[in-house]
Amino acid sequence: MSLAVYDSAIAQGSDWYINYQYEDSNGVPINLTGYTAKMQFRSLPNDPIVALTLDSANGIEILGVYGLIKVHATANQTGSMSAGYYYYDLEVTAPSTNIVTRIIQGQFQINPQVTR
């Protein structure tokens, strides 16, 4: 259950999908039933401006017993972000205790869109 670091790229103006499997140290999926999730992208970690927010109501689906978190940013959402580098993290919140756990973080490059 250590914090994962994942860096990648997103094509500006394209749909973007990624799945995260949350597992314990033995590789067993952690049951996320009832959890909520939130992911934000910022140009710098301490930037007050959020470039994109995805959450359980908009872009993040949690398949609880499988420990699977499916993330989807739409073409409109990625198209509204300026090309460049962004920092992000993904946090889950436990339903009964409201304990927040950051499970992944990293940096994404938004590659500029040419075709519009």
PDB file of N, CA and C in Angstrom:
ATOM      1  N   MET A   1       0.821  -1.192   0.000  1.00  0.00           N
ATOM      2  CA  MET A   1       0.000   0.000   0.000  1.00  0.00           C
ATOM      3  C   MET A   1       0.863   1.253   0.000  1.00  0.00           C
ATOM      4  N   SER A   2       2.018   1.183  -0.607  1.00  0.00           N
ATOM      5  CA  SER A   2       2.855   2.369  -0.678  1.00  0.00           C
ATOM      6  C   SER A   2       2.332   3.305  -1.767  1.00  0.00           C
ATOM      7  N   LEU A   3       2.696   4.539  -1.640  1.00  0.00           N
ATOM      8  CA  LEU A   3       2.284   5.559  -2.602  1.00  0.00           C
ATOM      9  C   LEU A   3       2.965   5.294  -3.940  1.00  0.00           C
ATOM     10  N   ALA A   4       2.176   5.193  -4.992  1.00  0.00           N
ATOM     11  CA  ALA A   4       2.709   4.957  -6.329  1.00  0.00           C
ATOM     12  C   ALA A   4       2.954   6.287  -7.027  1.00  0.00           C
ATOM     13  N   VAL A   5       4.001   6.336  -7.828  1.00  0.00           N
ATOM     14  CA  VAL A   5       4.304   7.508  -8.647  1.00  0.00           C
ATOM     15  C   VAL A   5       4.188   7.083 -10.107  1.00  0.00           C
ATOM     16  N   TYR A   6       3.382   7.825 -10.855  1.00  0.00           N
ATOM     17  CA  TYR A   6       3.148   7.489 -12.250  1.00  0.00           C
ATOM     18  C   TYR A   6       3.167   8.774 -13.070  1.00  0.00           C
ATOM     19  N   ASP A   7       4.105   8.883 -13.989  1.00  0.00           N
ATOM     20  CA  ASP A   7       4.208  10.022 -14.898  1.00  0.00           C
ATOM     21  C   ASP A   7       3.800   9.565 -16.292  1.00  0.00           C
ATOM     22  N   SER A   8       3.130  10.453 -17.031  1.00  0.00           N
ATOM     23  CA  SER A   8       2.668  10.073 -18.366  1.00  0.00           C
ATOM     24  C   SER A   8       2.329  11.321 -19.167  1.00  0.00           C
ATOM     25  N   ALA A   9       1.649  11.104 -20.271  1.00  0.00           N
ATOM     26  CA  ALA A   9       1.247  12.207 -21.153  1.00  0.00           C
ATOM     27  C   ALA A   9      -0.217  12.046 -21.534  1.00  0.00           C
ATOM     28  N   ILE A  10      -0.844  13.165 -21.789  1.00  0.00           N
ATOM     29  CA  ILE A  10      -2.227  13.221 -22.245  1.00  0.00           C
ATOM     30  C   ILE A  10      -2.242  14.038 -23.531  1.00  0.00           C
ATOM     31  N   ALA A  11      -2.983  13.572 -24.511  1.00  0.00           N
ATOM     32  CA  ALA A  11      -3.135  14.322 -25.753  1.00  0.00           C
ATOM     33  C   ALA A  11      -4.243  15.358 -25.568  1.00  0.00           C
ATOM     34  N   GLN A  12      -3.884  16.617 -25.641  1.00  0.00           N
ATOM     35  CA  GLN A  12      -4.850  17.715 -25.496  1.00  0.00           C
ATOM     36  C   GLN A  12      -5.975  17.533 -26.509  1.00  0.00           C
ATOM     37  N   GLY A  13      -7.219  17.648 -26.046  1.00  0.00           N
ATOM     38  CA  GLY A  13      -8.367  17.541 -26.927  1.00  0.00           C
ATOM     39  C   GLY A  13      -8.798  16.114 -27.228  1.00  0.00           C
ATOM     40  N   SER A  14      -8.234  15.134 -26.517  1.00  0.00           N
ATOM     41  CA  SER A  14      -8.607  13.727 -26.699  1.00  0.00           C
ATOM     42  C   SER A  14      -9.136  13.162 -25.392  1.00  0.00           C
ATOM     43  N   ASP A  15      -9.991  12.162 -25.520  1.00  0.00           N
ATOM     44  CA  ASP A  15     -10.416  11.444 -24.321  1.00  0.00           C
ATOM     45  C   ASP A  15      -9.211  10.714 -23.744  1.00  0.00           C
ATOM     46  N   TRP A  16      -9.143  10.658 -22.413  1.00  0.00           N
ATOM     47  CA  TRP A  16      -8.041  10.005 -21.724  1.00  0.00           C
ATOM     48  C   TRP A  16      -8.616   9.054 -20.690  1.00  0.00           C
ATOM     49  N   TYR A  17      -8.143   7.826 -20.719  1.00  0.00           N
ATOM     50  CA  TYR A  17      -8.598   6.793 -19.795  1.00  0.00           C
ATOM     51  C   TYR A  17      -7.391   6.166 -19.107  1.00  0.00           C
ATOM     52  N   ILE A  18      -7.556   5.837 -17.830  1.00  0.00           N
ATOM     53  CA  ILE A  18      -6.536   5.064 -17.128  1.00  0.00           C
ATOM     54  C   ILE A  18      -7.207   4.329 -15.973  1.00  0.00           C
ATOM     55  N   ASN A  19      -6.713   3.143 -15.688  1.00  0.00           N
ATOM     56  CA  ASN A  19      -7.216   2.357 -14.568  1.00  0.00           C
ATOM     57  C   ASN A  19      -6.110   2.188 -13.545  1.00  0.00           C
ATOM     58  N   TYR A  20      -6.461   2.318 -12.274  1.00  0.00           N
ATOM     59  CA  TYR A  20      -5.528   2.094 -11.174  1.00  0.00           C
ATOM     60  C   TYR A  20      -6.035   0.923 -10.348  1.00  0.00           C
ATOM     61  N   GLN A  21      -5.163  -0.022 -10.072  1.00  0.00           N
ATOM     62  CA  GLN A  21      -5.494  -1.149  -9.207  1.00  0.00           C
ATOM     63  C   GLN A  21      -4.859  -0.874  -7.841  1.00  0.00           C
ATOM     64  N   TYR A  22      -5.677  -0.768  -6.807  1.00  0.00           N
ATOM     65  CA  TYR A  22      -5.184  -0.498  -5.458  1.00  0.00           C
ATOM     66  C   TYR A  22      -5.080  -1.823  -4.723  1.00  0.00           C
ATOM     67  N   GLU A  23      -3.838  -2.215  -4.364  1.00  0.00           N
ATOM     68  CA  GLU A  23      -3.585  -3.514  -3.757  1.00  0.00           C
ATOM     69  C   GLU A  23      -2.754  -3.367  -2.497  1.00  0.00           C
ATOM     70  N   ASP A  24      -2.839  -4.386  -1.643  1.00  0.00           N
ATOM     71  CA  ASP A  24      -1.982  -4.396  -0.464  1.00  0.00           C
ATOM     72  C   ASP A  24      -0.598  -4.916  -0.850  1.00  0.00           C
ATOM     73  N   SER A  25       0.304  -5.032   0.111  1.00  0.00           N
ATOM     74  CA  SER A  25       1.683  -5.424  -0.179  1.00  0.00           C
ATOM     75  C   SER A  25       1.797  -6.859  -0.704  1.00  0.00           C
ATOM     76  N   ASN A  26       0.750  -7.650  -0.552  1.00  0.00           N
ATOM     77  CA  ASN A  26       0.737  -9.021  -1.080  1.00  0.00           C
ATOM     78  C   ASN A  26       0.083  -9.118  -2.452  1.00  0.00           C
ATOM     79  N   GLY A  27      -0.316  -7.979  -3.019  1.00  0.00           N
ATOM     80  CA  GLY A  27      -0.941  -7.968  -4.334  1.00  0.00           C
ATOM     81  C   GLY A  27      -2.428  -8.274  -4.320  1.00  0.00           C
ATOM     82  N   VAL A  28      -3.032  -8.246  -3.133  1.00  0.00           N
ATOM     83  CA  VAL A  28      -4.463  -8.498  -2.999  1.00  0.00           C
ATOM     84  C   VAL A  28      -5.213  -7.172  -3.126  1.00  0.00           C
ATOM     85  N   PRO A  29      -6.226  -7.094  -4.005  1.00  0.00           N
ATOM     86  CA  PRO A  29      -6.985  -5.845  -4.151  1.00  0.00           C
ATOM     87  C   PRO A  29      -7.601  -5.402  -2.824  1.00  0.00           C
ATOM     88  N   ILE A  30      -7.518  -4.101  -2.562  1.00  0.00           N
ATOM     89  CA  ILE A  30      -8.113  -3.514  -1.367  1.00  0.00           C
ATOM     90  C   ILE A  30      -9.556  -3.149  -1.692  1.00  0.00           C
ATOM     91  N   ASN A  31     -10.472  -3.599  -0.854  1.00  0.00           N
ATOM     92  CA  ASN A  31     -11.898  -3.344  -1.076  1.00  0.00           C
ATOM     93  C   ASN A  31     -12.189  -1.859  -0.876  1.00  0.00           C
ATOM     94  N   LEU A  32     -12.638  -1.202  -1.931  1.00  0.00           N
ATOM     95  CA  LEU A  32     -12.945   0.231  -1.890  1.00  0.00           C
ATOM     96  C   LEU A  32     -14.450   0.495  -1.942  1.00  0.00           C
ATOM     97  N   THR A  33     -15.249  -0.474  -1.560  1.00  0.00           N
ATOM     98  CA  THR A  33     -16.698  -0.314  -1.580  1.00  0.00           C
ATOM     99  C   THR A  33     -17.098   0.873  -0.698  1.00  0.00           C
ATOM    100  N   GLY A  34     -17.870   1.789  -1.271  1.00  0.00           N
ATOM    101  CA  GLY A  34     -18.339   2.963  -0.547  1.00  0.00           C
ATOM    102  C   GLY A  34     -17.372   4.132  -0.533  1.00  0.00           C
ATOM    103  N   TYR A  35     -16.161   3.932  -1.010  1.00  0.00           N
ATOM    104  CA  TYR A  35     -15.168   5.010  -1.036  1.00  0.00           C
ATOM    105  C   TYR A  35     -15.534   6.037  -2.112  1.00  0.00           C
ATOM    106  N   THR A  36     -15.024   7.235  -1.947  1.00  0.00           N
ATOM    107  CA  THR A  36     -15.079   8.252  -2.986  1.00  0.00           C
ATOM    108  C   THR A  36     -13.642   8.573  -3.397  1.00  0.00           C
ATOM    109  N   ALA A  37     -13.495   9.180  -4.565  1.00  0.00           N
ATOM    110  CA  ALA A  37     -12.162   9.501  -5.073  1.00  0.00           C
ATOM    111  C   ALA A  37     -12.155  10.904  -5.669  1.00  0.00           C
ATOM    112  N   LYS A  38     -10.971  11.512  -5.641  1.00  0.00           N
ATOM    113  CA  LYS A  38     -10.795  12.849  -6.210  1.00  0.00           C
ATOM    114  C   LYS A  38      -9.381  12.951  -6.772  1.00  0.00           C
ATOM    115  N   MET A  39      -9.282  13.555  -7.951  1.00  0.00           N
ATOM    116  CA  MET A  39      -8.003  13.773  -8.620  1.00  0.00           C
ATOM    117  C   MET A  39      -7.983  15.215  -9.123  1.00  0.00           C
ATOM    118  N   GLN A  40      -6.871  15.907  -8.891  1.00  0.00           N
ATOM    119  CA  GLN A  40      -6.722  17.273  -9.401  1.00  0.00           C
ATOM    120  C   GLN A  40      -5.401  17.407 -10.133  1.00  0.00           C
ATOM    121  N   PHE A  41      -5.411  18.265 -11.162  1.00  0.00           N
ATOM    122  CA  PHE A  41      -4.225  18.617 -11.928  1.00  0.00           C
ATOM    123  C   PHE A  41      -3.943  20.101 -11.698  1.00  0.00           C
ATOM    124  N   ARG A  42      -2.689  20.424 -11.383  1.00  0.00           N
ATOM    125  CA  ARG A  42      -2.253  21.813 -11.195  1.00  0.00           C
ATOM    126  C   ARG A  42      -0.897  21.993 -11.868  1.00  0.00           C
ATOM    127  N   SER A  43      -0.612  23.216 -12.325  1.00  0.00           N
ATOM    128  CA  SER A  43       0.670  23.451 -12.992  1.00  0.00           C
ATOM    129  C   SER A  43       1.844  23.329 -12.021  1.00  0.00           C
ATOM    130  N   LEU A  44       1.633  23.646 -10.775  1.00  0.00           N
ATOM    131  CA  LEU A  44       2.597  23.427  -9.689  1.00  0.00           C
ATOM    132  C   LEU A  44       1.814  22.871  -8.508  1.00  0.00           C
ATOM    133  N   PRO A  45       2.422  22.031  -7.676  1.00  0.00           N
ATOM    134  CA  PRO A  45       1.671  21.441  -6.571  1.00  0.00           C
ATOM    135  C   PRO A  45       0.969  22.456  -5.670  1.00  0.00           C
ATOM    136  N   ASN A  46       1.580  23.614  -5.459  1.00  0.00           N
ATOM    137  CA  ASN A  46       0.980  24.621  -4.573  1.00  0.00           C
ATOM    138  C   ASN A  46       0.212  25.711  -5.314  1.00  0.00           C
ATOM    139  N   ASP A  47       0.000  25.552  -6.614  1.00  0.00           N
ATOM    140  CA  ASP A  47      -0.750  26.534  -7.396  1.00  0.00           C
ATOM    141  C   ASP A  47      -2.203  26.575  -6.920  1.00  0.00           C
ATOM    142  N   PRO A  48      -2.737  27.752  -6.631  1.00  0.00           N
ATOM    143  CA  PRO A  48      -4.134  27.824  -6.187  1.00  0.00           C
ATOM    144  C   PRO A  48      -5.137  27.536  -7.316  1.00  0.00           C
ATOM    145  N   ILE A  49      -4.676  27.591  -8.555  1.00  0.00           N
ATOM    146  CA  ILE A  49      -5.563  27.357  -9.701  1.00  0.00           C
ATOM    147  C   ILE A  49      -5.538  25.873 -10.066  1.00  0.00           C
ATOM    148  N   VAL A  50      -6.716  25.278 -10.102  1.00  0.00           N
ATOM    149  CA  VAL A  50      -6.855  23.875 -10.486  1.00  0.00           C
ATOM    150  C   VAL A  50      -7.171  23.821 -11.972  1.00  0.00           C
ATOM    151  N   ALA A  51      -6.341  23.108 -12.725  1.00  0.00           N
ATOM    152  CA  ALA A  51      -6.562  22.992 -14.173  1.00  0.00           C
ATOM    153  C   ALA A  51      -7.671  21.999 -14.491  1.00  0.00           C
ATOM    154  N   LEU A  52      -7.814  20.956 -13.672  1.00  0.00           N
ATOM    155  CA  LEU A  52      -8.839  19.947 -13.901  1.00  0.00           C
ATOM    156  C   LEU A  52      -9.080  19.184 -12.610  1.00  0.00           C
ATOM    157  N   THR A  53     -10.356  18.960 -12.302  1.00  0.00           N
ATOM    158  CA  THR A  53     -10.746  18.115 -11.177  1.00  0.00           C
ATOM    159  C   THR A  53     -11.630  16.999 -11.689  1.00  0.00           C
ATOM    160  N   LEU A  54     -11.297  15.784 -11.304  1.00  0.00           N
ATOM    161  CA  LEU A  54     -12.134  14.621 -11.563  1.00  0.00           C
ATOM    162  C   LEU A  54     -12.482  14.027 -10.205  1.00  0.00           C
ATOM    163  N   ASP A  55     -13.706  13.523 -10.067  1.00  0.00           N
ATOM    164  CA  ASP A  55     -14.104  12.920  -8.804  1.00  0.00           C
ATOM    165  C   ASP A  55     -15.119  11.815  -9.049  1.00  0.00           C
ATOM    166  N   SER A  56     -15.622  11.254  -7.974  1.00  0.00           N
ATOM    167  CA  SER A  56     -16.553  10.124  -8.080  1.00  0.00           C
ATOM    168  C   SER A  56     -17.838  10.485  -8.807  1.00  0.00           C
ATOM    169  N   ALA A  57     -18.182  11.767  -8.854  1.00  0.00           N
ATOM    170  CA  ALA A  57     -19.384  12.207  -9.556  1.00  0.00           C
ATOM    171  C   ALA A  57     -19.089  12.618 -10.996  1.00  0.00           C
ATOM    172  N   ASN A  58     -17.801  12.783 -11.334  1.00  0.00           N
ATOM    173  CA  ASN A  58     -17.432  13.311 -12.647  1.00  0.00           C
ATOM    174  C   ASN A  58     -16.081  12.748 -13.074  1.00  0.00           C
ATOM    175  N   GLY A  59     -16.101  11.586 -13.719  1.00  0.00           N
ATOM    176  CA  GLY A  59     -14.882  11.077 -14.332  1.00  0.00           C
ATOM    177  C   GLY A  59     -14.181   9.945 -13.613  1.00  0.00           C
ATOM    178  N   ILE A  60     -14.566   9.631 -12.374  1.00  0.00           N
ATOM    179  CA  ILE A  60     -13.918   8.527 -11.654  1.00  0.00           C
ATOM    180  C   ILE A  60     -14.973   7.516 -11.224  1.00  0.00           C
ATOM    181  N   GLU A  61     -14.734   6.263 -11.569  1.00  0.00           N
ATOM    182  CA  GLU A  61     -15.603   5.165 -11.160  1.00  0.00           C
ATOM    183  C   GLU A  61     -14.784   4.213 -10.298  1.00  0.00           C
ATOM    184  N   ILE A  62     -15.342   3.801  -9.173  1.00  0.00           N
ATOM    185  CA  ILE A  62     -14.671   2.865  -8.286  1.00  0.00           C
ATOM    186  C   ILE A  62     -15.405   1.531  -8.324  1.00  0.00           C
ATOM    187  N   LEU A  63     -14.682   0.476  -8.658  1.00  0.00           N
ATOM    188  CA  LEU A  63     -15.225  -0.881  -8.610  1.00  0.00           C
ATOM    189  C   LEU A  63     -14.715  -1.495  -7.309  1.00  0.00           C
ATOM    190  N   GLY A  64     -15.479  -1.252  -6.241  1.00  0.00           N
ATOM    191  CA  GLY A  64     -15.087  -1.482  -4.863  1.00  0.00           C
ATOM    192  C   GLY A  64     -14.369  -2.759  -4.531  1.00  0.00           C
ATOM    193  N   VAL A  65     -15.021  -3.918  -4.681  1.00  0.00           N
ATOM    194  CA  VAL A  65     -14.422  -5.169  -4.226  1.00  0.00           C
ATOM    195  C   VAL A  65     -13.167  -5.528  -5.009  1.00  0.00           C
ATOM    196  N   TYR A  66     -12.996  -4.959  -6.183  1.00  0.00           N
ATOM    197  CA  TYR A  66     -11.831  -5.248  -7.014  1.00  0.00           C
ATOM    198  C   TYR A  66     -10.677  -4.276  -6.776  1.00  0.00           C
ATOM    199  N   GLY A  67     -10.910  -3.237  -5.970  1.00  0.00           N
ATOM    200  CA  GLY A  67      -9.872  -2.246  -5.730  1.00  0.00           C
ATOM    201  C   GLY A  67      -9.510  -1.471  -6.982  1.00  0.00           C
ATOM    202  N   LEU A  68     -10.423  -1.421  -7.943  1.00  0.00           N
ATOM    203  CA  LEU A  68     -10.147  -0.803  -9.237  1.00  0.00           C
ATOM    204  C   LEU A  68     -10.747   0.597  -9.315  1.00  0.00           C
ATOM    205  N   ILE A  69      -9.931   1.534  -9.755  1.00  0.00           N
ATOM    206  CA  ILE A  69     -10.370   2.911  -9.945  1.00  0.00           C
ATOM    207  C   ILE A  69     -10.183   3.244 -11.420  1.00  0.00           C
ATOM    208  N   LYS A  70     -11.291   3.561 -12.091  1.00  0.00           N
ATOM    209  CA  LYS A  70     -11.269   3.884 -13.514  1.00  0.00           C
ATOM    210  C   LYS A  70     -11.426   5.398 -13.669  1.00  0.00           C
ATOM    211  N   VAL A  71     -10.477   6.008 -14.363  1.00  0.00           N
ATOM    212  CA  VAL A  71     -10.463   7.462 -14.539  1.00  0.00           C
ATOM    213  C   VAL A  71     -10.673   7.793 -16.010  1.00  0.00           C
ATOM    214  N   HIS A  72     -11.525   8.789 -16.268  1.00  0.00           N
ATOM    215  CA  HIS A  72     -11.790   9.228 -17.631  1.00  0.00           C
ATOM    216  C   HIS A  72     -11.902  10.750 -17.650  1.00  0.00           C
ATOM    217  N   ALA A  73     -11.056  11.377 -18.453  1.00  0.00           N
ATOM    218  CA  ALA A  73     -11.178  12.809 -18.745  1.00  0.00           C
ATOM    219  C   ALA A  73     -11.660  12.923 -20.186  1.00  0.00           C
ATOM    220  N   THR A  74     -12.664  13.738 -20.399  1.00  0.00           N
ATOM    221  CA  THR A  74     -13.245  13.882 -21.735  1.00  0.00           C
ATOM    222  C   THR A  74     -12.356  14.746 -22.635  1.00  0.00           C
ATOM    223  N   ALA A  75     -12.632  14.665 -23.929  1.00  0.00           N
ATOM    224  CA  ALA A  75     -11.906  15.492 -24.892  1.00  0.00           C
ATOM    225  C   ALA A  75     -12.089  16.983 -24.582  1.00  0.00           C
ATOM    226  N   ASN A  76     -13.291  17.374 -24.143  1.00  0.00           N
ATOM    227  CA  ASN A  76     -13.527  18.777 -23.773  1.00  0.00           C
ATOM    228  C   ASN A  76     -12.683  19.177 -22.571  1.00  0.00           C
ATOM    229  N   GLN A  77     -12.567  18.273 -21.602  1.00  0.00           N
ATOM    230  CA  GLN A  77     -11.779  18.582 -20.406  1.00  0.00           C
ATOM    231  C   GLN A  77     -10.296  18.711 -20.727  1.00  0.00           C
ATOM    232  N   THR A  78      -9.735  17.767 -21.491  1.00  0.00           N
ATOM    233  CA  THR A  78      -8.316  17.863 -21.821  1.00  0.00           C
ATOM    234  C   THR A  78      -8.060  19.013 -22.793  1.00  0.00           C
ATOM    235  N   GLY A  79      -9.060  19.324 -23.634  1.00  0.00           N
ATOM    236  CA  GLY A  79      -8.920  20.440 -24.566  1.00  0.00           C
ATOM    237  C   GLY A  79      -8.900  21.794 -23.884  1.00  0.00           C
ATOM    238  N   SER A  80      -9.489  21.874 -22.693  1.00  0.00           N
ATOM    239  CA  SER A  80      -9.513  23.152 -21.966  1.00  0.00           C
ATOM    240  C   SER A  80      -8.217  23.395 -21.191  1.00  0.00           C
ATOM    241  N   MET A  81      -7.347  22.388 -21.122  1.00  0.00           N
ATOM    242  CA  MET A  81      -6.070  22.544 -20.419  1.00  0.00           C
ATOM    243  C   MET A  81      -5.005  23.039 -21.392  1.00  0.00           C
ATOM    244  N   SER A  82      -4.189  23.959 -20.934  1.00  0.00           N
ATOM    245  CA  SER A  82      -3.078  24.450 -21.748  1.00  0.00           C
ATOM    246  C   SER A  82      -2.018  23.367 -21.874  1.00  0.00           C
ATOM    247  N   ALA A  83      -1.337  23.351 -23.004  1.00  0.00           N
ATOM    248  CA  ALA A  83      -0.239  22.410 -23.176  1.00  0.00           C
ATOM    249  C   ALA A  83       0.841  22.707 -22.140  1.00  0.00           C
ATOM    250  N   GLY A  84       1.493  21.659 -21.666  1.00  0.00           N
ATOM    251  CA  GLY A  84       2.558  21.827 -20.683  1.00  0.00           C
ATOM    252  C   GLY A  84       2.525  20.727 -19.643  1.00  0.00           C
ATOM    253  N   TYR A  85       3.250  20.944 -18.558  1.00  0.00           N
ATOM    254  CA  TYR A  85       3.353  19.944 -17.502  1.00  0.00           C
ATOM    255  C   TYR A  85       2.438  20.284 -16.341  1.00  0.00           C
ATOM    256  N   TYR A  86       1.871  19.242 -15.746  1.00  0.00           N
ATOM    257  CA  TYR A  86       0.967  19.372 -14.600  1.00  0.00           C
ATOM    258  C   TYR A  86       1.316  18.313 -13.560  1.00  0.00           C
ATOM    259  N   TYR A  87       1.115  18.658 -12.320  1.00  0.00           N
ATOM    260  CA  TYR A  87       1.214  17.708 -11.218  1.00  0.00           C
ATOM    261  C   TYR A  87      -0.190  17.247 -10.870  1.00  0.00           C
ATOM    262  N   TYR A  88      -0.294  16.029 -10.384  1.00  0.00           N
ATOM    263  CA  TYR A  88      -1.599  15.498 -10.017  1.00  0.00           C
ATOM    264  C   TYR A  88      -1.431  14.551  -8.838  1.00  0.00           C
ATOM    265  N   ASP A  89      -2.518  14.277  -8.177  1.00  0.00           N
ATOM    266  CA  ASP A  89      -2.587  13.149  -7.267  1.00  0.00           C
ATOM    267  C   ASP A  89      -4.013  12.629  -7.247  1.00  0.00           C
ATOM    268  N   LEU A  90      -4.158  11.410  -6.757  1.00  0.00           N
ATOM    269  CA  LEU A  90      -5.448  10.747  -6.657  1.00  0.00           C
ATOM    270  C   LEU A  90      -5.616  10.304  -5.213  1.00  0.00           C
ATOM    271  N   GLU A  91      -6.687  10.769  -4.588  1.00  0.00           N
ATOM    272  CA  GLU A  91      -6.973  10.434  -3.198  1.00  0.00           C
ATOM    273  C   GLU A  91      -8.310   9.716  -3.102  1.00  0.00           C
ATOM    274  N   VAL A  92      -8.387   8.779  -2.182  1.00  0.00           N
ATOM    275  CA  VAL A  92      -9.640   8.102  -1.878  1.00  0.00           C
ATOM    276  C   VAL A  92     -10.015   8.410  -0.442  1.00  0.00           C
ATOM    277  N   THR A  93     -11.327   8.469  -0.191  1.00  0.00           N
ATOM    278  CA  THR A  93     -11.843   8.752   1.147  1.00  0.00           C
ATOM    279  C   THR A  93     -12.700   7.584   1.602  1.00  0.00           C
ATOM    280  N   ALA A  94     -12.387   7.071   2.794  1.00  0.00           N
ATOM    281  CA  ALA A  94     -13.130   5.946   3.367  1.00  0.00           C
ATOM    282  C   ALA A  94     -14.527   6.395   3.773  1.00  0.00           C
ATOM    283  N   PRO A  95     -15.530   5.544   3.562  1.00  0.00           N
ATOM    284  CA  PRO A  95     -16.917   5.947   3.810  1.00  0.00           C
ATOM    285  C   PRO A  95     -17.269   6.160   5.277  1.00  0.00           C
ATOM    286  N   SER A  96     -16.771   5.362   6.177  1.00  0.00           N
ATOM    287  CA  SER A  96     -17.209   5.465   7.569  1.00  0.00           C
ATOM    288  C   SER A  96     -16.318   6.358   8.424  1.00  0.00           C
ATOM    289  N   THR A  97     -15.033   6.446   8.075  1.00  0.00           N
ATOM    290  CA  THR A  97     -14.097   7.204   8.899  1.00  0.00           C
ATOM    291  C   THR A  97     -13.696   8.543   8.284  1.00  0.00           C
ATOM    292  N   ASN A  98     -13.989   8.732   7.008  1.00  0.00           N
ATOM    293  CA  ASN A  98     -13.567   9.918   6.251  1.00  0.00           C
ATOM    294  C   ASN A  98     -12.051  10.083   6.213  1.00  0.00           C
ATOM    295  N   ILE A  99     -11.323   8.987   6.383  1.00  0.00           N
ATOM    296  CA  ILE A  99      -9.869   9.025   6.276  1.00  0.00           C
ATOM    297  C   ILE A  99      -9.497   9.124   4.797  1.00  0.00           C
ATOM    298  N   VAL A 100      -8.649  10.101   4.482  1.00  0.00           N
ATOM    299  CA  VAL A 100      -8.208  10.338   3.110  1.00  0.00           C
ATOM    300  C   VAL A 100      -6.836   9.702   2.919  1.00  0.00           C
ATOM    301  N   THR A 101      -6.691   8.941   1.835  1.00  0.00           N
ATOM    302  CA  THR A 101      -5.423   8.305   1.507  1.00  0.00           C
ATOM    303  C   THR A 101      -5.037   8.664   0.089  1.00  0.00           C
ATOM    304  N   ARG A 102      -3.835   9.218  -0.063  1.00  0.00           N
ATOM    305  CA  ARG A 102      -3.323   9.483  -1.407  1.00  0.00           C
ATOM    306  C   ARG A 102      -2.704   8.191  -1.907  1.00  0.00           C
ATOM    307  N   ILE A 103      -3.185   7.695  -3.046  1.00  0.00           N
ATOM    308  CA  ILE A 103      -2.691   6.403  -3.515  1.00  0.00           C
ATOM    309  C   ILE A 103      -1.762   6.505  -4.719  1.00  0.00           C
ATOM    310  N   ILE A 104      -1.831   7.623  -5.426  1.00  0.00           N
ATOM    311  CA  ILE A 104      -0.944   7.793  -6.579  1.00  0.00           C
ATOM    312  C   ILE A 104      -0.724   9.278  -6.822  1.00  0.00           C
ATOM    313  N   GLN A 105       0.437   9.580  -7.353  1.00  0.00           N
ATOM    314  CA  GLN A 105       0.763  10.969  -7.692  1.00  0.00           C
ATOM    315  C   GLN A 105       1.773  10.954  -8.826  1.00  0.00           C
ATOM    316  N   GLY A 106       1.962  12.114  -9.421  1.00  0.00           N
ATOM    317  CA  GLY A 106       2.952  12.197 -10.479  1.00  0.00           C
ATOM    318  C   GLY A 106       2.812  13.462 -11.283  1.00  0.00           C
ATOM    319  N   GLN A 107       3.336  13.395 -12.479  1.00  0.00           N
ATOM    320  CA  GLN A 107       3.332  14.539 -13.377  1.00  0.00           C
ATOM    321  C   GLN A 107       2.856  14.072 -14.750  1.00  0.00           C
ATOM    322  N   PHE A 108       2.038  14.900 -15.375  1.00  0.00           N
ATOM    323  CA  PHE A 108       1.539  14.630 -16.721  1.00  0.00           C
ATOM    324  C   PHE A 108       1.947  15.766 -17.634  1.00  0.00           C
ATOM    325  N   GLN A 109       2.273  15.401 -18.854  1.00  0.00           N
ATOM    326  CA  GLN A 109       2.503  16.391 -19.894  1.00  0.00           C
ATOM    327  C   GLN A 109       1.268  16.413 -20.769  1.00  0.00           C
ATOM    328  N   ILE A 110       0.725  17.600 -21.002  1.00  0.00           N
ATOM    329  CA  ILE A 110      -0.368  17.768 -21.958  1.00  0.00           C
ATOM    330  C   ILE A 110       0.276  18.135 -23.282  1.00  0.00           C
ATOM    331  N   ASN A 111       0.191  17.203 -24.241  1.00  0.00           N
ATOM    332  CA  ASN A 111       0.765  17.441 -25.567  1.00  0.00           C
ATOM    333  C   ASN A 111      -0.208  18.276 -26.384  1.00  0.00           C
ATOM    334  N   PRO A 112       0.282  19.329 -27.047  1.00  0.00           N
ATOM    335  CA  PRO A 112      -0.615  20.244 -27.735  1.00  0.00           C
ATOM    336  C   PRO A 112      -1.406  19.609 -28.883  1.00  0.00           C
ATOM    337  N   GLN A 113      -2.630  20.054 -28.989  1.00  0.00           N
ATOM    338  CA  GLN A 113      -3.537  19.606 -30.047  1.00  0.00           C
ATOM    339  C   GLN A 113      -3.294  20.434 -31.296  1.00  0.00           C
ATOM    340  N   VAL A 114      -3.228  19.779 -32.447  1.00  0.00           N
ATOM    341  CA  VAL A 114      -3.055  20.476 -33.714  1.00  0.00           C
ATOM    342  C   VAL A 114      -4.391  20.514 -34.472  1.00  0.00           C
ATOM    343  N   THR A 115      -5.058  19.372 -34.564  1.00  0.00           N
ATOM    344  CA  THR A 115      -6.326  19.289 -35.281  1.00  0.00           C
ATOM    345  C   THR A 115      -7.451  19.756 -34.385  1.00  0.00           C
ATOM    346  N   ARG A 116      -8.228  20.714 -34.878  1.00  0.00           N
ATOM    347  CA  ARG A 116      -9.350  21.253 -34.095  1.00  0.00           C
ATOM    348  C   ARG A 116     -10.592  21.237 -34.960  1.00  0.00           C
TER     349      ARG A 116
END
